[in-house]
Each structure stands twice: as C-alpha cells, then as structure tokens.
Amino acid sequence: MRGMMLGMLAETHIHSGAGRSEGFVDLPVAREAVTSYPVIAGSSLKGALRDAARERGMDESIFGDQDRAGDVLVSDARLLLLPVRSLTGSYRWVTCPHILERLSRDMRLCGISDGFEGASVERGKACCTDDLNQIFLEEREFQRSNGIDGALIDALKKMVPHKQTASRLERQLVIISDDDFGWFASYGLPVIARNKLDDNKKSKNLWYEEALAPDTLMYAMVFERKDGALGKVQSMFETKPYLQLGGNETVGMGWFAVKIQKQGEGR
C-alpha cells in the first residue's frame, strides 16, 4: 500500500475543537489523549479534503461517503513544530525527541527515507544552532546544549511549502526535552477572546477559545486503497496548495499551506 505525507503549515490561527470546555477556556483545541499534543482528527482532515476536491471540481468519491470507505486512508494530522515566543528572536519553532522519533517512524511507514539521527536533550536544556548560552522561550530559560543535525533540518524543510519560510528553520529551530515540550503543548497555545454584542453594542456573550498559532507545522499520512488514488489527492494541490479545516472559517481561521512528500523522496 503506497503512502505519502502532507506537510501542513498553518497560515492563520487553527481551531480544531475538542467539543468540551476545560478550565477558563470555553473552546479548547483537540488533543491526543495520552500526550496532550494538539491534533486534528483524521475524520476532520478527510472531510476537509473531500470539501476541497468538491470545490475544485475534482473527483471527491475517492474520500468515500457514509456508505463507502473510499479509496484513501487519512491519518490524524500530528504536531511537528510549535511556534513559541522568545526573547532571543521573534519566535522559535520548538519540538522534542519524541515527536522527531514519531516523525521518523511515520516517514518509514510511507516509504520515505528519513536520513536523520534521533535527538537527545535533558530537561531544562535546548538544542539549537545559535552560539547563545541561554535560550528564552516565553518566560522560561533553557541552557544551550548540543547543536542540531543538519540532516534533520533538511528533512523538516521538505515539509514546509514556502522556500523563504523553510530557510528560517536552521536559525529558529529548537529541540527541548519531552517533558518541557509537553508544558508548551498544554499551556502555550494562544487563547482568543471573542464577543457577541447585542443591539445596544453591549456584551451578550463573551467566550474564550484556544487555537494553534500561525506557522505551526503539522503533518498527516495518506495511503491509497486503490491504484491512482494518491495521484488524485496530489493533483488537488498542484494549482492551489491550500486547505481549510477546523472552525471559524468566516473569520479567516483554519488555513494550511500544504506540501506533499511521496514515496521514494527524502534523503
């Protein structure tokens, strides 16, 4: 069964909701049950791909319907790089060894050569390409540890749709420990206040919703159950490499730029 990967760079805020409130946040994003990493369910992604095919006047039957499974299998969209504010630069793309290990396994599952070594970093330390002794992420300070494997940076660049954006990866990428990353994934996402006004311009309903920030990088896997199905998915993004999913489309949220990486590619 052939597979390919969709690199998904958030162009706007993304809200793929969990459907229940948590603490003061009325509408949190969906998270993986075990890791608490933000995630977009495969069913939501598959529905967005079907809508995109319909909008482009292409064959949407490959994504199936209520009575038929369709010709492709679509995984959850998994978190890869999380943008985090930093005093040492506007922001950093942050990830952790566990996410990189999972990326390596998923690339092999799709038949794509990863070519990079696994990362290792202690709690309170950060791997980066800077010569700085300390890195500040939000209000937290990290001591610089090792550098970053150039092969890993090259592999991540292949997931980013824009060349100019990808060129910033080398100087903005930071790898921290799984425990430290878990804190940012749980508590470091933007929370947006929204308000509904009555006829007298007074607040009628104030609520808070969590979102993934622009420049968040995610990826998903797509496998074909019928020969030629992957080619049809790929052709969807040849002229318009964008996909809208999640809530709040009418206020400009939910746009990803998409880059496809196929079997036989990679290092």
Foldseek 3Di string as FASTA:
>chain_A
DAKWKKKWFFQAWFAQFPPQDDPQAGTEHDADPPLRFGKAAQVQVLVLLLVLCVVVVHDSCQCPDPVDNHFKGKGIWGFDWAWFQWPVDRTATEDEQVSVVVVCVVCVVNQAHQPADGDDADAQAKEAQDPDQWIGTPNGIGGYDHHGDPSNLVSVLLSDPDPVVSVCNRHRYMYHYSVVVSCCSNPVFDKDWDFDADPVRDTDDIHIYTTGGGRGIIMMMMGGNDPPSVVSSVVSCPVPQKTATHDDVVVPGRIIRIGMGTNPDGD
